[in-house]
PDB file of N, CA and C in Angstrom:
ATOM      1  N   MET A   1     145.600  -5.854 126.703  1.00  0.00           N
ATOM      2  CA  MET A   1     145.690  -4.203 127.552  1.00  0.00           C
ATOM      3  C   MET A   1     145.588  -4.605 128.734  1.00  0.00           C
ATOM      4  N   GLU A   2     146.587  -3.774 129.046  1.00  0.00           N
ATOM      5  CA  GLU A   2     146.621  -3.820 130.745  1.00  0.00           C
ATOM      6  C   GLU A   2     145.508  -2.702 131.463  1.00  0.00           C
ATOM      7  N   LYS A   3     144.856  -2.806 132.028  1.00  0.00           N
ATOM      8  CA  LYS A   3     144.457  -1.516 132.859  1.00  0.00           C
ATOM      9  C   LYS A   3     145.539  -1.118 134.307  1.00  0.00           C
ATOM     10  N   ASN A   4     144.608   0.325 134.071  1.00  0.00           N
ATOM     11  CA  ASN A   4     145.847   1.173 135.709  1.00  0.00           C
ATOM     12  C   ASN A   4     145.302   0.994 136.119  1.00  0.00           C
ATOM     13  N   PRO A   5     145.702   0.353 137.817  1.00  0.00           N
ATOM     14  CA  PRO A   5     144.990   0.128 138.679  1.00  0.00           C
ATOM     15  C   PRO A   5     144.875   1.140 139.894  1.00  0.00           C
ATOM     16  N   LYS A   6     145.537   2.454 139.295  1.00  0.00           N
ATOM     17  CA  LYS A   6     145.387   3.889 140.603  1.00  0.00           C
ATOM     18  C   LYS A   6     144.429   4.672 139.219  1.00  0.00           C
ATOM     19  N   LYS A   7     143.581   5.273 139.386  1.00  0.00           N
ATOM     20  CA  LYS A   7     143.016   6.611 138.431  1.00  0.00           C
ATOM     21  C   LYS A   7     143.766   7.373 139.219  1.00  0.00           C
ATOM     22  N   THR A   8     143.930   8.249 138.842  1.00  0.00           N
ATOM     23  CA  THR A   8     144.174   9.609 138.416  1.00  0.00           C
ATOM     24  C   THR A   8     143.005  10.581 138.382  1.00  0.00           C
ATOM     25  N   LYS A   9     142.891  11.246 138.607  1.00  0.00           N
ATOM     26  CA  LYS A   9     142.253  12.483 139.075  1.00  0.00           C
ATOM     27  C   LYS A   9     143.120  13.964 138.821  1.00  0.00           C
ATOM     28  N   LEU A  10     142.263  15.005 138.081  1.00  0.00           N
ATOM     29  CA  LEU A  10     142.950  16.100 138.046  1.00  0.00           C
ATOM     30  C   LEU A  10     142.187  16.701 139.678  1.00  0.00           C
ATOM     31  N   LYS A  11     143.530  17.506 140.079  1.00  0.00           N
ATOM     32  CA  LYS A  11     143.162  18.557 141.370  1.00  0.00           C
ATOM     33  C   LYS A  11     142.772  19.707 140.427  1.00  0.00           C
ATOM     34  N   SER A  12     141.711  19.966 141.662  1.00  0.00           N
ATOM     35  CA  SER A  12     141.483  21.613 140.763  1.00  0.00           C
ATOM     36  C   SER A  12     142.238  22.496 142.449  1.00  0.00           C
ATOM     37  N   SER A  13     142.147  23.742 141.822  1.00  0.00           N
ATOM     38  CA  SER A  13     143.218  24.467 143.227  1.00  0.00           C
ATOM     39  C   SER A  13     142.299  25.808 143.447  1.00  0.00           C
ATOM     40  N   ARG A  14     140.481  25.015 144.176  1.00  0.00           N
ATOM     41  CA  ARG A  14     139.763  25.255 144.137  1.00  0.00           C
ATOM     42  C   ARG A  14     139.463  24.695 145.243  1.00  0.00           C
ATOM     43  N   ARG A  15     138.500  25.222 146.299  1.00  0.00           N
ATOM     44  CA  ARG A  15     138.368  23.710 147.209  1.00  0.00           C
ATOM     45  C   ARG A  15     137.128  24.009 146.731  1.00  0.00           C
ATOM     46  N   PRO A  16     136.242  22.581 147.186  1.00  0.00           N
ATOM     47  CA  PRO A  16     134.308  22.739 146.847  1.00  0.00           C
ATOM     48  C   PRO A  16     133.968  23.947 147.728  1.00  0.00           C
ATOM     49  N   GLY A  17     132.658  24.229 146.570  1.00  0.00           N
ATOM     50  CA  GLY A  17     131.835  25.143 147.026  1.00  0.00           C
ATOM     51  C   GLY A  17     132.508  26.798 146.972  1.00  0.00           C
ATOM     52  N   GLU A  18     134.070  26.897 146.656  1.00  0.00           N
ATOM     53  CA  GLU A  18     135.016  28.068 146.383  1.00  0.00           C
ATOM     54  C   GLU A  18     134.523  28.721 144.382  1.00  0.00           C
ATOM     55  N   TYR A  19     134.537  29.848 144.939  1.00  0.00           N
ATOM     56  CA  TYR A  19     133.788  30.399 143.270  1.00  0.00           C
ATOM     57  C   TYR A  19     135.036  31.376 143.135  1.00  0.00           C
ATOM     58  N   LYS A  20     135.053  31.294 141.573  1.00  0.00           N
ATOM     59  CA  LYS A  20     136.716  32.432 142.075  1.00  0.00           C
ATOM     60  C   LYS A  20     135.636  33.888 141.741  1.00  0.00           C
ATOM     61  N   ARG A  21     135.145  35.194 141.755  1.00  0.00           N
ATOM     62  CA  ARG A  21     134.415  35.842 141.451  1.00  0.00           C
ATOM     63  C   ARG A  21     135.166  36.850 140.632  1.00  0.00           C
ATOM     64  N   LYS A  22     134.742  37.991 140.193  1.00  0.00           N
ATOM     65  CA  LYS A  22     135.435  38.583 139.090  1.00  0.00           C
ATOM     66  C   LYS A  22     134.644  39.610 139.000  1.00  0.00           C
ATOM     67  N   SER A  23     135.789  40.914 139.479  1.00  0.00           N
ATOM     68  CA  SER A  23     134.618  42.177 139.854  1.00  0.00           C
ATOM     69  C   SER A  23     134.580  43.090 138.400  1.00  0.00           C
ATOM     70  N   ALA A  24     133.023  43.033 138.342  1.00  0.00           N
ATOM     71  CA  ALA A  24     132.921  44.111 137.105  1.00  0.00           C
ATOM     72  C   ALA A  24     133.653  45.401 136.559  1.00  0.00           C
ATOM     73  N   PRO A  25     133.536  45.191 135.786  1.00  0.00           N
ATOM     74  CA  PRO A  25     134.293  46.369 135.070  1.00  0.00           C
ATOM     75  C   PRO A  25     133.418  47.833 135.052  1.00  0.00           C
ATOM     76  N   GLU A  26     134.416  48.792 135.441  1.00  0.00           N
ATOM     77  CA  GLU A  26     134.048  50.017 135.996  1.00  0.00           C
ATOM     78  C   GLU A  26     133.514  50.813 134.320  1.00  0.00           C
ATOM     79  N   PRO A  27     131.822  51.354 135.062  1.00  0.00           N
ATOM     80  CA  PRO A  27     131.592  52.080 133.456  1.00  0.00           C
ATOM     81  C   PRO A  27     132.284  53.446 133.330  1.00  0.00           C
ATOM     82  N   ALA A  28     132.931  53.629 131.573  1.00  0.00           N
ATOM     83  CA  ALA A  28     133.121  54.514 131.295  1.00  0.00           C
ATOM     84  C   ALA A  28     133.042  55.590 131.392  1.00  0.00           C
ATOM     85  N   GLU A  29     131.667  56.004 131.865  1.00  0.00           N
ATOM     86  CA  GLU A  29     131.233  57.261 132.229  1.00  0.00           C
ATOM     87  C   GLU A  29     132.017  57.623 133.496  1.00  0.00           C
ATOM     88  N   GLU A  30     132.121  56.400 134.814  1.00  0.00           N
ATOM     89  CA  GLU A  30     133.342  57.123 135.841  1.00  0.00           C
ATOM     90  C   GLU A  30     134.339  56.755 135.631  1.00  0.00           C
ATOM     91  N   HIS A  31     135.265  56.695 134.195  1.00  0.00           N
ATOM     92  CA  HIS A  31     136.798  56.470 134.776  1.00  0.00           C
ATOM     93  C   HIS A  31     137.258  57.280 135.427  1.00  0.00           C
ATOM     94  N   LYS A  32     138.412  56.235 135.264  1.00  0.00           N
ATOM     95  CA  LYS A  32     139.497  57.751 136.221  1.00  0.00           C
ATOM     96  C   LYS A  32     139.958  58.613 135.239  1.00  0.00           C
ATOM     97  N   ASN A  33     140.502  57.629 133.969  1.00  0.00           N
ATOM     98  CA  ASN A  33     140.843  58.486 132.641  1.00  0.00           C
ATOM     99  C   ASN A  33     139.725  59.910 132.241  1.00  0.00           C
ATOM    100  N   PRO A  34     140.183  61.018 131.890  1.00  0.00           N
ATOM    101  CA  PRO A  34     139.229  62.249 131.718  1.00  0.00           C
ATOM    102  C   PRO A  34     138.443  61.565 130.442  1.00  0.00           C
ATOM    103  N   ILE A  35     140.281  61.832 129.672  1.00  0.00           N
ATOM    104  CA  ILE A  35     139.931  61.449 128.034  1.00  0.00           C
ATOM    105  C   ILE A  35     138.313  60.033 127.834  1.00  0.00           C
ATOM    106  N   VAL A  36     138.712  58.922 128.552  1.00  0.00           N
ATOM    107  CA  VAL A  36     137.367  58.549 128.733  1.00  0.00           C
ATOM    108  C   VAL A  36     136.432  58.715 128.840  1.00  0.00           C
ATOM    109  N   ARG A  37     136.452  59.342 129.751  1.00  0.00           N
ATOM    110  CA  ARG A  37     134.985  59.802 130.360  1.00  0.00           C
ATOM    111  C   ARG A  37     134.140  60.461 129.372  1.00  0.00           C
ATOM    112  N   PHE A  38     135.423  61.768 128.803  1.00  0.00           N
ATOM    113  CA  PHE A  38     134.390  62.676 127.758  1.00  0.00           C
ATOM    114  C   PHE A  38     134.202  61.741 126.591  1.00  0.00           C
ATOM    115  N   LEU A  39     134.610  60.631 126.199  1.00  0.00           N
ATOM    116  CA  LEU A  39     134.401  60.332 125.199  1.00  0.00           C
ATOM    117  C   LEU A  39     133.003  59.390 124.802  1.00  0.00           C
ATOM    118  N   ALA A  40     133.011  59.269 126.798  1.00  0.00           N
ATOM    119  CA  ALA A  40     131.359  57.928 126.470  1.00  0.00           C
ATOM    120  C   ALA A  40     130.446  58.446 127.149  1.00  0.00           C
ATOM    121  N   ARG A  41     130.482  60.399 127.769  1.00  0.00           N
ATOM    122  CA  ARG A  41     129.560  60.898 127.888  1.00  0.00           C
ATOM    123  C   ARG A  41     129.376  61.515 126.381  1.00  0.00           C
ATOM    124  N   THR A  42     130.312  62.138 125.027  1.00  0.00           N
ATOM    125  CA  THR A  42     129.964  62.638 124.153  1.00  0.00           C
ATOM    126  C   THR A  42     128.796  61.130 123.057  1.00  0.00           C
ATOM    127  N   GLY A  43     129.737  60.024 123.213  1.00  0.00           N
ATOM    128  CA  GLY A  43     129.626  59.858 122.350  1.00  0.00           C
ATOM    129  C   GLY A  43     128.023  58.879 122.589  1.00  0.00           C
ATOM    130  N   TYR A  44     127.375  58.958 123.634  1.00  0.00           N
ATOM    131  CA  TYR A  44     126.265  58.390 124.636  1.00  0.00           C
ATOM    132  C   TYR A  44     125.176  59.430 123.965  1.00  0.00           C
ATOM    133  N   THR A  45     125.536  60.930 124.494  1.00  0.00           N
ATOM    134  CA  THR A  45     124.774  61.933 123.655  1.00  0.00           C
ATOM    135  C   THR A  45     124.763  61.583 122.206  1.00  0.00           C
ATOM    136  N   VAL A  46     125.293  61.550 121.237  1.00  0.00           N
ATOM    137  CA  VAL A  46     125.677  61.445 119.838  1.00  0.00           C
ATOM    138  C   VAL A  46     124.630  60.381 119.183  1.00  0.00           C
ATOM    139  N   TRP A  47     124.718  59.211 120.066  1.00  0.00           N
ATOM    140  CA  TRP A  47     123.371  58.041 119.733  1.00  0.00           C
ATOM    141  C   TRP A  47     122.047  58.798 119.620  1.00  0.00           C
ATOM    142  N   LEU A  48     122.101  59.253 121.151  1.00  0.00           N
ATOM    143  CA  LEU A  48     120.648  59.468 121.411  1.00  0.00           C
ATOM    144  C   LEU A  48     120.027  60.737 120.629  1.00  0.00           C
ATOM    145  N   ILE A  49     121.246  61.363 120.252  1.00  0.00           N
ATOM    146  CA  ILE A  49     120.516  62.251 119.049  1.00  0.00           C
ATOM    147  C   ILE A  49     120.103  61.154 117.780  1.00  0.00           C
ATOM    148  N   VAL A  50     121.581  60.728 117.250  1.00  0.00           N
ATOM    149  CA  VAL A  50     120.876  60.029 115.904  1.00  0.00           C
ATOM    150  C   VAL A  50     119.562  58.972 116.071  1.00  0.00           C
ATOM    151  N   LEU A  51     119.101  58.132 117.266  1.00  0.00           N
ATOM    152  CA  LEU A  51     118.460  57.922 117.660  1.00  0.00           C
ATOM    153  C   LEU A  51     117.034  58.600 117.175  1.00  0.00           C
ATOM    154  N   GLY A  52     116.710  59.959 117.660  1.00  0.00           N
ATOM    155  CA  GLY A  52     116.004  60.276 117.529  1.00  0.00           C
ATOM    156  C   GLY A  52     115.772  61.423 116.243  1.00  0.00           C
ATOM    157  N   ILE A  53     116.300  61.984 115.472  1.00  0.00           N
ATOM    158  CA  ILE A  53     116.243  61.900 114.391  1.00  0.00           C
ATOM    159  C   ILE A  53     115.843  60.770 113.476  1.00  0.00           C
ATOM    160  N   GLY A  54     116.614  59.384 113.511  1.00  0.00           N
ATOM    161  CA  GLY A  54     116.142  58.108 113.211  1.00  0.00           C
ATOM    162  C   GLY A  54     114.530  58.381 113.217  1.00  0.00           C
ATOM    163  N   ILE A  55     114.046  58.595 114.476  1.00  0.00           N
ATOM    164  CA  ILE A  55     112.932  57.971 114.724  1.00  0.00           C
ATOM    165  C   ILE A  55     111.857  59.460 113.788  1.00  0.00           C
ATOM    166  N   VAL A  56     112.595  60.476 114.136  1.00  0.00           N
ATOM    167  CA  VAL A  56     111.467  61.269 112.916  1.00  0.00           C
ATOM    168  C   VAL A  56     111.205  61.102 111.835  1.00  0.00           C
ATOM    169  N   ILE A  57     112.260  61.330 111.192  1.00  0.00           N
ATOM    170  CA  ILE A  57     112.121  60.962 109.723  1.00  0.00           C
ATOM    171  C   ILE A  57     111.098  59.674 109.239  1.00  0.00           C
ATOM    172  N   ALA A  58     111.507  58.275 110.004  1.00  0.00           N
ATOM    173  CA  ALA A  58     111.148  57.164 109.716  1.00  0.00           C
ATOM    174  C   ALA A  58     108.898  57.488 109.984  1.00  0.00           C
ATOM    175  N   PHE A  59     108.959  58.427 110.938  1.00  0.00           N
ATOM    176  CA  PHE A  59     107.669  58.800 111.216  1.00  0.00           C
ATOM    177  C   PHE A  59     107.348  59.689 110.282  1.00  0.00           C
ATOM    178  N   VAL A  60     107.745  60.380 110.004  1.00  0.00           N
ATOM    179  CA  VAL A  60     107.447  61.863 108.745  1.00  0.00           C
ATOM    180  C   VAL A  60     107.187  60.447 107.265  1.00  0.00           C
ATOM    181  N   VAL A  61     107.660  59.655 107.631  1.00  0.00           N
ATOM    182  CA  VAL A  61     108.053  59.152 106.176  1.00  0.00           C
ATOM    183  C   VAL A  61     106.639  57.849 106.283  1.00  0.00           C
ATOM    184  N   SER A  62     106.602  57.358 107.533  1.00  0.00           N
ATOM    185  CA  SER A  62     105.386  56.755 107.100  1.00  0.00           C
ATOM    186  C   SER A  62     104.217  57.524 107.393  1.00  0.00           C
ATOM    187  N   VAL A  63     103.446  58.771 107.469  1.00  0.00           N
ATOM    188  CA  VAL A  63     102.837  59.789 107.349  1.00  0.00           C
ATOM    189  C   VAL A  63     102.894  59.984 105.975  1.00  0.00           C
ATOM    190  N   ALA A  64     104.189  60.009 105.584  1.00  0.00           N
ATOM    191  CA  ALA A  64     103.362  60.509 104.269  1.00  0.00           C
ATOM    192  C   ALA A  64     103.223  59.079 103.153  1.00  0.00           C
ATOM    193  N   LEU A  65     103.531  58.516 103.717  1.00  0.00           N
ATOM    194  CA  LEU A  65     103.373  57.120 102.145  1.00  0.00           C
ATOM    195  C   LEU A  65     101.777  56.663 103.114  1.00  0.00           C
ATOM    196  N   LEU A  66     100.943  57.818 104.337  1.00  0.00           N
ATOM    197  CA  LEU A  66      99.826  57.033 104.565  1.00  0.00           C
ATOM    198  C   LEU A  66      98.648  57.346 102.905  1.00  0.00           C
TER     199      LEU A  66
END
């Protein structure tokens, strides 16, 4: 077997110490599209209502089983 005298290094496009920064996605409630904003707000509201109803049902069932 022959040894390769030249070692090849993979070169990075970034300089040492330089990191790519990804911008954070904007929240759906602040989106430019009014349809997306509407769906985000109503979806969040519906989720809270369903969560509240579930908590009440769980509480009633747990009290009834005592």
